[in-house]
């Protein structure tokens, strides 16, 4: 992926995959697909983080480099999910996700099955995501 934005598209999914290592009752975002969409090197990193002190150390390093990024990504995803579920309950049946990246919102919410979901992003991201989803 040549575009600078495209180079960062997987970063949020690393944060979400790390969140899946938190006990289910304490997670901000539940996403069983996030880990499966990661390239092998990132899967290896997340797997190492199953050891709690390693995960805390990595998240501490991330927070020192980019304060608030981990929590910000998770809160943004949860906020969007909660508001989307409320909109669906209110009768919305079409959803457009701009800058969808590698997020799995359209694939992890069964409630979205009642309507149409369109994901919009840069062509290389959409193509790569389609390949990853088929593999997963």
N, C-alpha and C. Protein backbone atom coordinates (compact mmCIF):
# COMPACT_ATOMS: atom_id res chain seq x y z
N UNK A 1 0.84 -1.17 0.00
CA UNK A 1 0.00 0.00 0.00
C UNK A 1 0.89 1.23 0.00
N UNK A 2 0.75 2.05 -1.00
CA UNK A 2 1.61 3.21 -1.17
C UNK A 2 1.16 4.41 -0.35
N UNK A 3 -0.13 4.64 -0.23
CA UNK A 3 -0.68 5.78 0.45
C UNK A 3 -0.31 5.74 1.94
N UNK A 4 0.06 6.89 2.51
CA UNK A 4 0.47 6.95 3.92
C UNK A 4 -0.67 6.52 4.84
N UNK A 5 -1.89 6.94 4.53
CA UNK A 5 -3.04 6.54 5.35
C UNK A 5 -3.23 5.02 5.30
N UNK A 6 -3.02 4.44 4.15
CA UNK A 6 -3.19 3.00 4.01
C UNK A 6 -2.17 2.24 4.86
N UNK A 7 -1.00 2.83 5.05
CA UNK A 7 0.03 2.16 5.85
C UNK A 7 -0.36 2.04 7.31
N UNK A 8 -1.25 2.90 7.79
CA UNK A 8 -1.65 2.87 9.20
C UNK A 8 -2.98 2.18 9.42
N UNK A 9 -3.59 1.64 8.38
CA UNK A 9 -4.95 1.09 8.48
C UNK A 9 -5.05 -0.08 9.44
N UNK A 10 -4.00 -0.86 9.60
CA UNK A 10 -4.07 -2.03 10.49
C UNK A 10 -3.83 -1.70 11.95
N UNK A 11 -3.26 -0.55 12.23
CA UNK A 11 -2.91 -0.20 13.61
C UNK A 11 -4.08 -0.31 14.58
N UNK A 12 -5.27 0.22 14.25
CA UNK A 12 -6.38 0.07 15.19
C UNK A 12 -6.75 -1.38 15.46
N UNK A 13 -6.58 -2.24 14.46
CA UNK A 13 -6.95 -3.64 14.67
C UNK A 13 -5.99 -4.34 15.63
N UNK A 14 -4.76 -3.88 15.68
CA UNK A 14 -3.83 -4.42 16.67
C UNK A 14 -4.35 -4.09 18.07
N UNK A 15 -4.79 -2.85 18.25
CA UNK A 15 -5.33 -2.44 19.55
C UNK A 15 -6.57 -3.27 19.92
N UNK A 16 -7.43 -3.51 18.94
CA UNK A 16 -8.64 -4.30 19.19
C UNK A 16 -8.28 -5.75 19.48
N UNK A 17 -7.31 -6.29 18.76
CA UNK A 17 -6.88 -7.67 19.02
C UNK A 17 -6.30 -7.80 20.42
N UNK A 18 -5.53 -6.81 20.85
CA UNK A 18 -5.00 -6.82 22.22
C UNK A 18 -6.13 -6.76 23.24
N UNK A 19 -7.18 -6.02 22.93
CA UNK A 19 -8.32 -5.91 23.85
C UNK A 19 -8.99 -7.26 24.08
N UNK A 20 -8.90 -8.16 23.11
CA UNK A 20 -9.53 -9.47 23.25
C UNK A 20 -8.82 -10.33 24.29
N UNK A 21 -7.64 -9.90 24.73
CA UNK A 21 -6.92 -10.62 25.77
C UNK A 21 -7.40 -10.23 27.17
N UNK A 22 -8.21 -9.18 27.25
CA UNK A 22 -8.80 -8.74 28.51
C UNK A 22 -10.01 -9.64 28.79
N UNK A 23 -10.27 -9.99 30.06
CA UNK A 23 -11.45 -10.81 30.34
C UNK A 23 -12.72 -10.21 29.72
N UNK A 24 -13.60 -11.07 29.20
CA UNK A 24 -14.78 -10.64 28.44
C UNK A 24 -15.60 -9.57 29.16
N UNK A 25 -15.79 -9.70 30.45
CA UNK A 25 -16.60 -8.75 31.19
C UNK A 25 -15.98 -7.37 31.34
N UNK A 26 -14.70 -7.25 31.03
CA UNK A 26 -14.00 -5.98 31.18
C UNK A 26 -13.64 -5.33 29.85
N UNK A 27 -13.94 -5.99 28.75
CA UNK A 27 -13.60 -5.47 27.43
C UNK A 27 -14.46 -4.27 27.06
N UNK A 28 -13.84 -3.33 26.37
CA UNK A 28 -14.57 -2.20 25.81
C UNK A 28 -15.18 -2.62 24.48
N UNK A 29 -14.46 -3.41 23.70
CA UNK A 29 -14.90 -3.86 22.38
C UNK A 29 -14.71 -5.38 22.30
N UNK A 30 -15.76 -6.06 21.86
CA UNK A 30 -15.68 -7.51 21.62
C UNK A 30 -15.57 -7.71 20.12
N UNK A 31 -14.48 -8.31 19.69
CA UNK A 31 -14.25 -8.50 18.26
C UNK A 31 -13.45 -9.77 18.03
N UNK A 32 -14.14 -10.90 17.87
CA UNK A 32 -13.43 -12.17 17.67
C UNK A 32 -12.71 -12.29 16.34
N UNK A 33 -12.95 -11.36 15.41
CA UNK A 33 -12.35 -11.44 14.08
C UNK A 33 -11.05 -10.63 13.98
N UNK A 34 -10.85 -9.66 14.84
CA UNK A 34 -9.71 -8.73 14.73
C UNK A 34 -8.38 -9.46 14.60
N UNK A 35 -8.13 -10.42 15.46
CA UNK A 35 -6.86 -11.14 15.43
C UNK A 35 -6.65 -11.85 14.10
N UNK A 36 -7.71 -12.41 13.56
CA UNK A 36 -7.61 -13.17 12.31
C UNK A 36 -7.24 -12.30 11.12
N UNK A 37 -7.51 -10.99 11.20
CA UNK A 37 -7.21 -10.10 10.08
C UNK A 37 -5.79 -9.54 10.14
N UNK A 38 -5.05 -9.87 11.17
CA UNK A 38 -3.70 -9.34 11.30
C UNK A 38 -2.71 -10.15 10.46
N UNK A 39 -1.69 -9.47 9.92
CA UNK A 39 -0.61 -10.20 9.24
C UNK A 39 0.15 -11.05 10.27
N UNK A 40 0.87 -12.07 9.82
CA UNK A 40 1.56 -12.99 10.74
C UNK A 40 2.44 -12.31 11.78
N UNK A 41 3.18 -11.29 11.41
CA UNK A 41 4.07 -10.63 12.38
C UNK A 41 3.27 -10.01 13.52
N UNK A 42 2.15 -9.37 13.19
CA UNK A 42 1.32 -8.76 14.23
C UNK A 42 0.60 -9.82 15.06
N UNK A 43 0.23 -10.93 14.43
CA UNK A 43 -0.36 -12.03 15.19
C UNK A 43 0.64 -12.54 16.23
N UNK A 44 1.90 -12.63 15.81
CA UNK A 44 2.94 -13.06 16.74
C UNK A 44 3.07 -12.11 17.92
N UNK A 45 3.05 -10.81 17.63
CA UNK A 45 3.15 -9.81 18.70
C UNK A 45 1.97 -9.93 19.66
N UNK A 46 0.76 -10.03 19.13
CA UNK A 46 -0.43 -10.15 19.97
C UNK A 46 -0.38 -11.46 20.77
N UNK A 47 0.08 -12.53 20.16
CA UNK A 47 0.19 -13.81 20.87
C UNK A 47 1.15 -13.71 22.05
N UNK A 48 2.26 -13.02 21.86
CA UNK A 48 3.19 -12.81 22.97
C UNK A 48 2.52 -12.05 24.11
N UNK A 49 1.59 -11.19 23.77
CA UNK A 49 0.92 -10.36 24.77
C UNK A 49 -0.13 -11.11 25.57
N UNK A 50 -0.29 -12.40 25.30
CA UNK A 50 -1.15 -13.22 26.17
C UNK A 50 -0.55 -13.28 27.56
N UNK A 51 0.75 -13.06 27.64
CA UNK A 51 1.42 -12.97 28.94
C UNK A 51 1.17 -11.55 29.44
N UNK A 52 0.38 -11.44 30.50
CA UNK A 52 -0.11 -10.14 30.96
C UNK A 52 0.98 -9.09 31.16
N UNK A 53 2.12 -9.39 31.79
CA UNK A 53 3.14 -8.35 31.94
C UNK A 53 3.68 -7.84 30.60
N UNK A 54 3.75 -8.72 29.61
CA UNK A 54 4.20 -8.28 28.27
C UNK A 54 3.16 -7.36 27.64
N UNK A 55 1.89 -7.70 27.79
CA UNK A 55 0.83 -6.86 27.24
C UNK A 55 0.84 -5.49 27.90
N UNK A 56 0.96 -5.47 29.23
CA UNK A 56 1.00 -4.19 29.93
C UNK A 56 2.20 -3.37 29.51
N UNK A 57 3.34 -4.03 29.32
CA UNK A 57 4.55 -3.31 28.89
C UNK A 57 4.37 -2.73 27.49
N UNK A 58 3.81 -3.51 26.58
CA UNK A 58 3.59 -3.01 25.22
C UNK A 58 2.62 -1.83 25.23
N UNK A 59 1.51 -1.97 25.96
CA UNK A 59 0.54 -0.87 26.01
C UNK A 59 1.13 0.36 26.69
N UNK A 60 2.01 0.15 27.65
CA UNK A 60 2.70 1.28 28.28
C UNK A 60 3.60 1.99 27.29
N UNK A 61 4.30 1.22 26.48
CA UNK A 61 5.17 1.80 25.45
C UNK A 61 4.34 2.58 24.43
N UNK A 62 3.23 1.98 24.00
CA UNK A 62 2.34 2.65 23.05
C UNK A 62 1.83 3.96 23.65
N UNK A 63 1.45 3.92 24.91
CA UNK A 63 0.90 5.12 25.55
C UNK A 63 1.96 6.20 25.71
N UNK A 64 3.20 5.81 25.91
CA UNK A 64 4.27 6.82 26.01
C UNK A 64 4.54 7.45 24.64
N UNK A 65 4.45 6.66 23.58
CA UNK A 65 4.69 7.17 22.23
C UNK A 65 3.52 7.99 21.71
N UNK A 66 2.31 7.54 22.01
CA UNK A 66 1.08 8.20 21.52
C UNK A 66 0.06 8.20 22.66
N UNK A 67 0.18 9.12 23.60
CA UNK A 67 -0.69 9.11 24.77
C UNK A 67 -2.18 9.04 24.41
N UNK A 68 -2.86 8.09 25.01
CA UNK A 68 -4.30 7.96 24.86
C UNK A 68 -4.77 7.21 23.63
N UNK A 69 -3.86 6.79 22.76
CA UNK A 69 -4.27 6.17 21.50
C UNK A 69 -5.02 4.85 21.71
N UNK A 70 -4.54 4.02 22.61
CA UNK A 70 -5.18 2.72 22.84
C UNK A 70 -6.62 2.90 23.32
N UNK A 71 -6.80 3.65 24.38
CA UNK A 71 -8.14 3.89 24.90
C UNK A 71 -9.01 4.65 23.92
N UNK A 72 -8.41 5.60 23.22
CA UNK A 72 -9.16 6.39 22.25
C UNK A 72 -9.73 5.55 21.13
N UNK A 73 -8.92 4.63 20.61
CA UNK A 73 -9.39 3.74 19.54
C UNK A 73 -10.53 2.87 20.04
N UNK A 74 -10.35 2.29 21.22
CA UNK A 74 -11.39 1.39 21.75
C UNK A 74 -12.68 2.15 22.05
N UNK A 75 -12.55 3.33 22.65
CA UNK A 75 -13.75 4.12 22.98
C UNK A 75 -14.47 4.58 21.72
N UNK A 76 -13.71 4.98 20.71
CA UNK A 76 -14.33 5.40 19.44
C UNK A 76 -15.11 4.24 18.82
N UNK A 77 -14.50 3.05 18.81
CA UNK A 77 -15.17 1.89 18.23
C UNK A 77 -16.44 1.54 19.01
N UNK A 78 -16.36 1.59 20.33
CA UNK A 78 -17.53 1.27 21.17
C UNK A 78 -18.62 2.31 20.99
N UNK A 79 -18.24 3.59 20.93
CA UNK A 79 -19.20 4.67 20.73
C UNK A 79 -19.95 4.49 19.41
N UNK A 80 -19.20 4.22 18.34
CA UNK A 80 -19.83 4.00 17.04
C UNK A 80 -20.75 2.78 17.06
N UNK A 81 -20.30 1.71 17.67
CA UNK A 81 -21.11 0.50 17.75
C UNK A 81 -22.40 0.76 18.51
N UNK A 82 -22.31 1.38 19.67
CA UNK A 82 -23.50 1.63 20.49
C UNK A 82 -24.49 2.54 19.76
N UNK A 83 -23.98 3.57 19.09
CA UNK A 83 -24.87 4.48 18.38
C UNK A 83 -25.46 3.83 17.14
N UNK A 84 -24.70 2.99 16.48
CA UNK A 84 -25.22 2.26 15.32
C UNK A 84 -26.33 1.31 15.76
N UNK A 85 -26.14 0.61 16.86
CA UNK A 85 -27.19 -0.29 17.35
C UNK A 85 -28.45 0.48 17.70
N UNK A 86 -28.31 1.66 18.28
CA UNK A 86 -29.47 2.50 18.60
C UNK A 86 -30.17 2.95 17.31
N UNK A 87 -29.39 3.30 16.30
CA UNK A 87 -29.98 3.73 15.02
C UNK A 87 -30.72 2.57 14.35
N UNK A 88 -30.16 1.38 14.43
CA UNK A 88 -30.83 0.21 13.85
C UNK A 88 -32.14 -0.07 14.57
N UNK A 89 -32.12 0.08 15.88
CA UNK A 89 -33.34 -0.13 16.65
C UNK A 89 -34.41 0.92 16.30
N UNK A 90 -33.94 2.11 15.91
CA UNK A 90 -34.86 3.19 15.53
C UNK A 90 -35.34 3.04 14.09
N UNK A 91 -34.83 2.05 13.35
CA UNK A 91 -35.35 1.79 12.02
C UNK A 91 -34.40 2.03 10.87
N UNK A 92 -33.18 2.49 11.14
CA UNK A 92 -32.21 2.68 10.06
C UNK A 92 -31.90 1.32 9.44
N UNK A 93 -31.86 1.27 8.11
CA UNK A 93 -31.60 -0.01 7.43
C UNK A 93 -30.44 0.04 6.46
N UNK A 94 -29.83 1.20 6.26
CA UNK A 94 -28.66 1.31 5.39
C UNK A 94 -27.57 2.04 6.15
N UNK A 95 -26.37 1.51 6.06
CA UNK A 95 -25.24 2.07 6.79
C UNK A 95 -24.07 2.22 5.83
N UNK A 96 -23.43 3.38 5.88
CA UNK A 96 -22.21 3.62 5.11
C UNK A 96 -21.09 3.86 6.11
N UNK A 97 -20.05 3.05 6.04
CA UNK A 97 -18.90 3.20 6.93
C UNK A 97 -17.77 3.81 6.11
N UNK A 98 -17.51 5.09 6.34
CA UNK A 98 -16.45 5.80 5.63
C UNK A 98 -15.13 5.57 6.35
N UNK A 99 -14.10 5.30 5.59
CA UNK A 99 -12.80 5.02 6.21
C UNK A 99 -12.86 3.74 7.02
N UNK A 100 -13.50 2.72 6.47
CA UNK A 100 -13.74 1.47 7.19
C UNK A 100 -12.46 0.77 7.62
N UNK A 101 -11.39 0.96 6.86
CA UNK A 101 -10.14 0.30 7.22
C UNK A 101 -10.34 -1.19 7.36
N UNK A 102 -9.70 -1.77 8.36
CA UNK A 102 -9.81 -3.20 8.61
C UNK A 102 -10.79 -3.50 9.73
N UNK A 103 -11.56 -2.49 10.14
CA UNK A 103 -12.55 -2.70 11.19
C UNK A 103 -13.57 -3.75 10.75
N UNK A 104 -14.05 -4.53 11.71
CA UNK A 104 -14.96 -5.63 11.40
C UNK A 104 -16.40 -5.33 11.81
N UNK A 105 -16.72 -4.09 12.09
CA UNK A 105 -18.06 -3.72 12.53
C UNK A 105 -19.14 -4.35 11.65
N UNK A 106 -18.99 -4.26 10.37
CA UNK A 106 -19.99 -4.79 9.44
C UNK A 106 -20.09 -6.31 9.49
N UNK A 107 -19.11 -6.96 10.09
CA UNK A 107 -19.06 -8.42 10.09
C UNK A 107 -19.30 -9.03 11.46
N UNK A 108 -19.26 -8.22 12.51
CA UNK A 108 -19.40 -8.78 13.85
C UNK A 108 -20.71 -8.44 14.54
N UNK A 109 -21.53 -7.60 13.91
CA UNK A 109 -22.82 -7.26 14.50
C UNK A 109 -23.95 -7.94 13.73
N UNK A 110 -24.55 -8.96 14.29
CA UNK A 110 -25.63 -9.65 13.59
C UNK A 110 -26.81 -8.73 13.29
N UNK A 111 -26.96 -7.68 14.07
CA UNK A 111 -28.06 -6.74 13.85
C UNK A 111 -27.98 -6.06 12.49
N UNK A 112 -26.79 -5.99 11.92
CA UNK A 112 -26.63 -5.36 10.60
C UNK A 112 -27.17 -6.22 9.47
N UNK A 113 -27.55 -7.44 9.77
CA UNK A 113 -28.10 -8.33 8.76
C UNK A 113 -29.48 -7.91 8.26
N UNK A 114 -30.10 -6.95 8.90
CA UNK A 114 -31.44 -6.53 8.50
C UNK A 114 -31.43 -5.50 7.39
N UNK A 115 -30.27 -5.00 7.01
CA UNK A 115 -30.21 -3.97 5.99
C UNK A 115 -28.99 -4.10 5.11
N UNK A 116 -28.57 -2.98 4.56
CA UNK A 116 -27.39 -2.95 3.70
C UNK A 116 -26.28 -2.19 4.39
N UNK A 117 -25.06 -2.69 4.21
CA UNK A 117 -23.87 -2.04 4.77
C UNK A 117 -22.89 -1.82 3.63
N UNK A 118 -22.42 -0.60 3.53
CA UNK A 118 -21.42 -0.24 2.52
C UNK A 118 -20.17 0.22 3.25
N UNK A 119 -19.05 -0.37 2.91
CA UNK A 119 -17.77 0.05 3.47
C UNK A 119 -17.01 0.81 2.39
N UNK A 120 -16.51 1.98 2.74
CA UNK A 120 -15.79 2.83 1.81
C UNK A 120 -14.39 3.08 2.37
N UNK A 121 -13.39 2.86 1.54
CA UNK A 121 -12.01 3.16 1.91
C UNK A 121 -11.18 3.16 0.64
N UNK A 122 -9.90 3.35 0.80
CA UNK A 122 -8.99 3.32 -0.34
C UNK A 122 -9.02 1.93 -0.98
N UNK A 123 -8.96 1.86 -2.31
CA UNK A 123 -9.03 0.56 -2.99
C UNK A 123 -8.04 -0.49 -2.46
N UNK A 124 -6.77 -0.15 -2.19
CA UNK A 124 -5.88 -1.22 -1.70
C UNK A 124 -6.30 -1.77 -0.34
N UNK A 125 -6.90 -0.93 0.49
CA UNK A 125 -7.36 -1.40 1.80
C UNK A 125 -8.55 -2.33 1.63
N UNK A 126 -9.52 -1.92 0.83
CA UNK A 126 -10.70 -2.76 0.60
C UNK A 126 -10.30 -4.10 0.00
N UNK A 127 -9.40 -4.10 -0.96
CA UNK A 127 -8.96 -5.34 -1.60
C UNK A 127 -8.25 -6.25 -0.60
N UNK A 128 -7.36 -5.68 0.18
CA UNK A 128 -6.64 -6.47 1.18
C UNK A 128 -7.59 -7.01 2.24
N UNK A 129 -8.55 -6.20 2.65
CA UNK A 129 -9.52 -6.64 3.66
C UNK A 129 -10.36 -7.79 3.12
N UNK A 130 -10.77 -7.72 1.86
CA UNK A 130 -11.56 -8.80 1.27
C UNK A 130 -10.78 -10.11 1.30
N UNK A 131 -9.51 -10.04 0.95
CA UNK A 131 -8.66 -11.24 0.97
C UNK A 131 -8.55 -11.77 2.39
N UNK A 132 -8.32 -10.88 3.36
CA UNK A 132 -8.18 -11.28 4.76
C UNK A 132 -9.47 -11.91 5.29
N UNK A 133 -10.61 -11.31 4.96
CA UNK A 133 -11.89 -11.84 5.43
C UNK A 133 -12.17 -13.22 4.84
N UNK A 134 -11.84 -13.41 3.57
CA UNK A 134 -12.05 -14.73 2.97
C UNK A 134 -11.15 -15.76 3.65
N UNK A 135 -9.92 -15.37 3.96
CA UNK A 135 -8.99 -16.26 4.65
C UNK A 135 -9.49 -16.58 6.05
N UNK A 136 -10.03 -15.57 6.74
CA UNK A 136 -10.51 -15.77 8.13
C UNK A 136 -11.77 -16.61 8.14
